[in-house]
Amino acid sequence: MRILVVEDERKLRFPLAERLAARRIDADCAAGAREAVMFARMMRYDAAVIDVQDAAGEGAGIQRALTRMQPWMQVLVVAGQGAGKGSMPGAESEVIVTRLARALTRGDDALCA
């Protein structure tokens, strides 16, 4: 299984990828729309985790672009509050990974956080 993680904040992006790897799920990380589309042109993904509140305001557009390119892709849309002061990126990423794994097991078509 291969997942595309689209998250503009490095402090959230990489802990999420590490937790996916711990569950033997391959993950590629994109920092924004351009990078996400580049990955989707090169690889086939089973699912994507997309931050809809990214700094560039591209989240919803990324979701549309990816599902047009790979219509079978399941999407988990997250609205993170960022990795600012007092946040716990590792804990947030574990919640996302758990929800994603549960949804993929059930075979949901699309997900929203």
N, C-alpha and C. Protein backbone atom coordinates (compact mmCIF):
# COMPACT_ATOMS: atom_id res chain seq x y z
N MET A 1 0.85 -1.17 0.00
CA MET A 1 0.00 0.00 0.00
C MET A 1 0.89 1.23 0.00
N ARG A 2 0.50 2.25 -0.77
CA ARG A 2 1.28 3.49 -0.85
C ARG A 2 0.34 4.67 -0.60
N ILE A 3 0.80 5.56 0.27
CA ILE A 3 0.03 6.74 0.68
C ILE A 3 0.81 8.00 0.30
N LEU A 4 0.09 9.02 -0.15
CA LEU A 4 0.68 10.33 -0.38
C LEU A 4 0.25 11.26 0.74
N VAL A 5 1.21 11.80 1.45
CA VAL A 5 0.95 12.75 2.54
C VAL A 5 1.21 14.15 2.01
N VAL A 6 0.18 15.00 2.04
CA VAL A 6 0.33 16.38 1.58
C VAL A 6 0.10 17.30 2.77
N GLU A 7 1.18 17.83 3.29
CA GLU A 7 1.15 18.65 4.50
C GLU A 7 2.26 19.68 4.38
N ASP A 8 1.91 20.95 4.54
CA ASP A 8 2.91 22.00 4.36
C ASP A 8 3.86 22.13 5.55
N GLU A 9 3.49 21.63 6.70
CA GLU A 9 4.36 21.76 7.88
C GLU A 9 5.21 20.52 8.08
N ARG A 10 6.50 20.71 8.00
CA ARG A 10 7.46 19.62 8.16
C ARG A 10 7.28 18.89 9.49
N LYS A 11 6.95 19.64 10.55
CA LYS A 11 6.80 19.04 11.88
C LYS A 11 5.63 18.05 11.95
N LEU A 12 4.71 18.14 11.02
CA LEU A 12 3.59 17.20 10.96
C LEU A 12 3.81 16.15 9.87
N ARG A 13 4.37 16.57 8.76
CA ARG A 13 4.53 15.70 7.59
C ARG A 13 5.38 14.47 7.91
N PHE A 14 6.54 14.67 8.50
CA PHE A 14 7.45 13.55 8.70
C PHE A 14 7.07 12.60 9.84
N PRO A 15 6.53 13.08 10.96
CA PRO A 15 6.04 12.11 11.96
C PRO A 15 4.92 11.23 11.41
N LEU A 16 4.08 11.80 10.55
CA LEU A 16 3.01 11.01 9.94
C LEU A 16 3.60 9.92 9.04
N ALA A 17 4.58 10.27 8.23
CA ALA A 17 5.22 9.28 7.35
C ALA A 17 5.91 8.20 8.16
N GLU A 18 6.54 8.57 9.26
CA GLU A 18 7.21 7.59 10.12
C GLU A 18 6.21 6.61 10.72
N ARG A 19 5.07 7.11 11.15
CA ARG A 19 4.05 6.23 11.74
C ARG A 19 3.45 5.30 10.68
N LEU A 20 3.30 5.79 9.48
CA LEU A 20 2.82 4.92 8.40
C LEU A 20 3.85 3.83 8.12
N ALA A 21 5.11 4.20 8.08
CA ALA A 21 6.18 3.21 7.84
C ALA A 21 6.19 2.15 8.93
N ALA A 22 5.92 2.55 10.17
CA ALA A 22 5.88 1.60 11.28
C ALA A 22 4.78 0.56 11.08
N ARG A 23 3.76 0.93 10.31
CA ARG A 23 2.67 0.00 10.00
C ARG A 23 2.87 -0.67 8.64
N ARG A 24 4.08 -0.57 8.14
CA ARG A 24 4.47 -1.16 6.85
C ARG A 24 3.66 -0.60 5.68
N ILE A 25 3.43 0.70 5.74
CA ILE A 25 2.75 1.42 4.66
C ILE A 25 3.76 2.39 4.07
N ASP A 26 3.99 2.29 2.76
CA ASP A 26 4.90 3.21 2.08
C ASP A 26 4.23 4.57 1.97
N ALA A 27 5.01 5.61 2.23
CA ALA A 27 4.47 6.97 2.15
C ALA A 27 5.45 7.90 1.47
N ASP A 28 4.91 8.75 0.63
CA ASP A 28 5.68 9.84 0.04
C ASP A 28 5.12 11.11 0.63
N CYS A 29 5.98 12.10 0.85
CA CYS A 29 5.56 13.35 1.46
C CYS A 29 5.71 14.51 0.49
N ALA A 30 4.64 15.27 0.35
CA ALA A 30 4.64 16.47 -0.48
C ALA A 30 4.34 17.68 0.39
N ALA A 31 5.06 18.76 0.13
CA ALA A 31 4.87 19.98 0.92
C ALA A 31 3.77 20.87 0.37
N GLY A 32 3.28 20.59 -0.83
CA GLY A 32 2.24 21.42 -1.42
C GLY A 32 1.71 20.82 -2.71
N ALA A 33 0.89 21.62 -3.40
CA ALA A 33 0.19 21.14 -4.60
C ALA A 33 1.13 20.71 -5.70
N ARG A 34 2.11 21.52 -6.02
CA ARG A 34 3.01 21.20 -7.12
C ARG A 34 3.72 19.88 -6.89
N GLU A 35 4.22 19.70 -5.69
CA GLU A 35 4.93 18.46 -5.35
C GLU A 35 3.97 17.26 -5.34
N ALA A 36 2.76 17.45 -4.84
CA ALA A 36 1.77 16.36 -4.80
C ALA A 36 1.43 15.89 -6.21
N VAL A 37 1.22 16.82 -7.13
CA VAL A 37 0.90 16.46 -8.51
C VAL A 37 2.08 15.75 -9.15
N MET A 38 3.30 16.22 -8.87
CA MET A 38 4.49 15.57 -9.41
C MET A 38 4.56 14.11 -8.96
N PHE A 39 4.33 13.87 -7.67
CA PHE A 39 4.34 12.50 -7.16
C PHE A 39 3.25 11.66 -7.82
N ALA A 40 2.05 12.23 -7.97
CA ALA A 40 0.93 11.49 -8.54
C ALA A 40 1.16 11.15 -10.02
N ARG A 41 1.97 11.93 -10.69
CA ARG A 41 2.32 11.61 -12.08
C ARG A 41 3.29 10.44 -12.16
N MET A 42 4.08 10.26 -11.11
CA MET A 42 5.12 9.22 -11.12
C MET A 42 4.71 7.93 -10.44
N MET A 43 3.81 7.99 -9.47
CA MET A 43 3.48 6.82 -8.66
C MET A 43 1.96 6.61 -8.61
N ARG A 44 1.58 5.38 -8.30
CA ARG A 44 0.18 5.05 -8.08
C ARG A 44 -0.04 5.00 -6.57
N TYR A 45 -1.05 5.70 -6.09
CA TYR A 45 -1.34 5.75 -4.66
C TYR A 45 -2.68 5.12 -4.35
N ASP A 46 -2.74 4.44 -3.22
CA ASP A 46 -4.00 3.88 -2.74
C ASP A 46 -4.81 4.93 -2.00
N ALA A 47 -4.10 5.86 -1.37
CA ALA A 47 -4.78 6.88 -0.57
C ALA A 47 -3.88 8.10 -0.42
N ALA A 48 -4.51 9.18 0.02
CA ALA A 48 -3.78 10.41 0.31
C ALA A 48 -4.31 11.01 1.60
N VAL A 49 -3.42 11.65 2.33
CA VAL A 49 -3.79 12.44 3.51
C VAL A 49 -3.47 13.87 3.14
N ILE A 50 -4.50 14.73 3.13
CA ILE A 50 -4.33 16.10 2.65
C ILE A 50 -4.75 17.08 3.72
N ASP A 51 -3.86 18.04 4.00
CA ASP A 51 -4.16 19.14 4.92
C ASP A 51 -4.90 20.22 4.12
N VAL A 52 -6.17 20.43 4.41
CA VAL A 52 -6.94 21.42 3.65
C VAL A 52 -6.71 22.84 4.14
N GLN A 53 -6.02 23.01 5.25
CA GLN A 53 -5.75 24.35 5.76
C GLN A 53 -4.27 24.67 5.62
N ASP A 54 -3.70 24.35 4.47
CA ASP A 54 -2.29 24.63 4.27
C ASP A 54 -2.09 26.14 4.08
N ALA A 55 -0.87 26.58 4.29
CA ALA A 55 -0.56 28.01 4.26
C ALA A 55 -0.86 28.66 2.92
N ALA A 56 -0.72 27.91 1.83
CA ALA A 56 -0.95 28.47 0.50
C ALA A 56 -2.43 28.43 0.09
N GLY A 57 -3.28 27.82 0.91
CA GLY A 57 -4.70 27.74 0.60
C GLY A 57 -5.01 26.80 -0.56
N GLU A 58 -4.17 25.78 -0.75
CA GLU A 58 -4.30 24.88 -1.88
C GLU A 58 -4.98 23.55 -1.55
N GLY A 59 -5.34 23.32 -0.31
CA GLY A 59 -5.82 22.01 0.12
C GLY A 59 -6.95 21.42 -0.70
N ALA A 60 -8.02 22.16 -0.89
CA ALA A 60 -9.17 21.64 -1.64
C ALA A 60 -8.81 21.39 -3.09
N GLY A 61 -8.00 22.25 -3.67
CA GLY A 61 -7.57 22.08 -5.05
C GLY A 61 -6.70 20.84 -5.22
N ILE A 62 -5.87 20.56 -4.23
CA ILE A 62 -5.02 19.36 -4.28
C ILE A 62 -5.90 18.13 -4.31
N GLN A 63 -6.92 18.10 -3.47
CA GLN A 63 -7.82 16.94 -3.43
C GLN A 63 -8.47 16.72 -4.79
N ARG A 64 -8.98 17.76 -5.40
CA ARG A 64 -9.62 17.63 -6.71
C ARG A 64 -8.63 17.14 -7.76
N ALA A 65 -7.45 17.72 -7.78
CA ALA A 65 -6.44 17.33 -8.78
C ALA A 65 -6.04 15.87 -8.63
N LEU A 66 -5.82 15.44 -7.40
CA LEU A 66 -5.37 14.06 -7.18
C LEU A 66 -6.46 13.05 -7.53
N THR A 67 -7.69 13.34 -7.17
CA THR A 67 -8.75 12.38 -7.46
C THR A 67 -9.10 12.36 -8.95
N ARG A 68 -8.82 13.44 -9.68
CA ARG A 68 -8.96 13.41 -11.14
C ARG A 68 -7.87 12.54 -11.75
N MET A 69 -6.66 12.65 -11.23
CA MET A 69 -5.52 11.90 -11.76
C MET A 69 -5.61 10.42 -11.40
N GLN A 70 -6.09 10.13 -10.21
CA GLN A 70 -6.15 8.76 -9.71
C GLN A 70 -7.50 8.55 -9.02
N PRO A 71 -8.55 8.31 -9.80
CA PRO A 71 -9.91 8.24 -9.25
C PRO A 71 -10.13 7.16 -8.20
N TRP A 72 -9.32 6.14 -8.16
CA TRP A 72 -9.43 5.06 -7.17
C TRP A 72 -8.88 5.48 -5.80
N MET A 73 -8.15 6.57 -5.77
CA MET A 73 -7.48 7.00 -4.54
C MET A 73 -8.49 7.38 -3.46
N GLN A 74 -8.32 6.83 -2.28
CA GLN A 74 -9.11 7.24 -1.12
C GLN A 74 -8.42 8.45 -0.50
N VAL A 75 -9.20 9.36 0.05
CA VAL A 75 -8.66 10.61 0.56
C VAL A 75 -9.11 10.84 1.99
N LEU A 76 -8.14 11.12 2.85
CA LEU A 76 -8.42 11.56 4.22
C LEU A 76 -8.07 13.03 4.27
N VAL A 77 -9.08 13.85 4.48
CA VAL A 77 -8.89 15.29 4.54
C VAL A 77 -8.77 15.68 6.01
N VAL A 78 -7.67 16.35 6.33
CA VAL A 78 -7.47 16.80 7.71
C VAL A 78 -7.41 18.31 7.73
N ALA A 79 -7.85 18.87 8.82
CA ALA A 79 -7.81 20.32 9.00
C ALA A 79 -6.98 20.59 10.23
N GLY A 80 -5.69 20.40 10.09
CA GLY A 80 -4.78 20.55 11.22
C GLY A 80 -4.66 21.98 11.67
N GLN A 81 -4.30 22.14 12.91
CA GLN A 81 -4.12 23.46 13.48
C GLN A 81 -2.65 23.88 13.44
N GLY A 82 -1.83 23.06 12.79
CA GLY A 82 -0.42 23.39 12.70
C GLY A 82 0.38 22.84 13.85
N ALA A 83 1.67 22.97 13.72
CA ALA A 83 2.59 22.44 14.73
C ALA A 83 3.13 23.57 15.58
N GLY A 84 2.28 24.48 15.91
CA GLY A 84 2.71 25.64 16.68
C GLY A 84 2.98 25.29 18.13
N LYS A 85 3.20 26.32 18.90
CA LYS A 85 3.51 26.18 20.31
C LYS A 85 2.41 25.41 21.04
N GLY A 86 2.81 24.39 21.78
CA GLY A 86 1.86 23.63 22.57
C GLY A 86 1.21 22.47 21.85
N SER A 87 1.46 22.34 20.54
CA SER A 87 0.83 21.22 19.83
C SER A 87 1.69 19.98 19.95
N MET A 88 1.10 18.84 19.65
CA MET A 88 1.80 17.56 19.75
C MET A 88 1.75 16.86 18.40
N PRO A 89 2.70 17.16 17.48
CA PRO A 89 2.64 16.59 16.14
C PRO A 89 2.63 15.07 16.13
N GLY A 90 3.39 14.44 16.99
CA GLY A 90 3.42 12.98 17.03
C GLY A 90 2.07 12.39 17.39
N ALA A 91 1.41 12.97 18.37
CA ALA A 91 0.09 12.49 18.79
C ALA A 91 -0.94 12.73 17.69
N GLU A 92 -0.88 13.89 17.06
CA GLU A 92 -1.82 14.19 15.98
C GLU A 92 -1.62 13.22 14.82
N SER A 93 -0.37 12.93 14.49
CA SER A 93 -0.12 12.02 13.38
C SER A 93 -0.59 10.61 13.70
N GLU A 94 -0.51 10.20 14.96
CA GLU A 94 -0.99 8.86 15.32
C GLU A 94 -2.49 8.75 15.15
N VAL A 95 -3.22 9.80 15.49
CA VAL A 95 -4.67 9.81 15.30
C VAL A 95 -5.00 9.70 13.81
N ILE A 96 -4.28 10.43 12.98
CA ILE A 96 -4.52 10.40 11.54
C ILE A 96 -4.24 9.01 10.98
N VAL A 97 -3.13 8.42 11.38
CA VAL A 97 -2.76 7.09 10.89
C VAL A 97 -3.80 6.06 11.31
N THR A 98 -4.27 6.13 12.53
CA THR A 98 -5.28 5.19 13.02
C THR A 98 -6.57 5.32 12.21
N ARG A 99 -7.03 6.55 11.98
CA ARG A 99 -8.25 6.76 11.19
C ARG A 99 -8.08 6.28 9.76
N LEU A 100 -6.92 6.55 9.19
CA LEU A 100 -6.66 6.13 7.82
C LEU A 100 -6.64 4.61 7.71
N ALA A 101 -5.94 3.95 8.61
CA ALA A 101 -5.87 2.49 8.58
C ALA A 101 -7.26 1.88 8.75
N ARG A 102 -8.06 2.41 9.66
CA ARG A 102 -9.41 1.90 9.89
C ARG A 102 -10.27 2.07 8.62
N ALA A 103 -10.18 3.24 8.00
CA ALA A 103 -10.98 3.50 6.81
C ALA A 103 -10.55 2.64 5.63
N LEU A 104 -9.26 2.45 5.46
CA LEU A 104 -8.78 1.63 4.35
C LEU A 104 -9.20 0.19 4.54
N THR A 105 -9.21 -0.27 5.78
CA THR A 105 -9.64 -1.64 6.07
C THR A 105 -11.12 -1.81 5.73
N ARG A 106 -11.92 -0.79 6.03
CA ARG A 106 -13.36 -0.85 5.74
C ARG A 106 -13.64 -0.65 4.26
N GLY A 107 -12.69 -0.03 3.55
CA GLY A 107 -12.88 0.23 2.13
C GLY A 107 -13.74 1.46 1.86
N ASP A 108 -13.71 2.45 2.77
CA ASP A 108 -14.46 3.69 2.52
C ASP A 108 -14.00 4.34 1.23
N ASP A 109 -14.92 4.97 0.52
CA ASP A 109 -14.56 5.64 -0.73
C ASP A 109 -13.83 6.95 -0.47
N ALA A 110 -14.26 7.71 0.49
CA ALA A 110 -13.61 8.98 0.80
C ALA A 110 -13.82 9.26 2.28
N LEU A 111 -12.92 10.04 2.82
CA LEU A 111 -12.94 10.32 4.25
C LEU A 111 -12.85 11.80 4.51
N CYS A 112 -13.45 12.23 5.56
CA CYS A 112 -13.29 13.62 5.97
C CYS A 112 -13.08 13.64 7.47
N ALA A 113 -12.15 14.48 7.89
CA ALA A 113 -11.87 14.61 9.32
C ALA A 113 -12.76 15.68 9.91
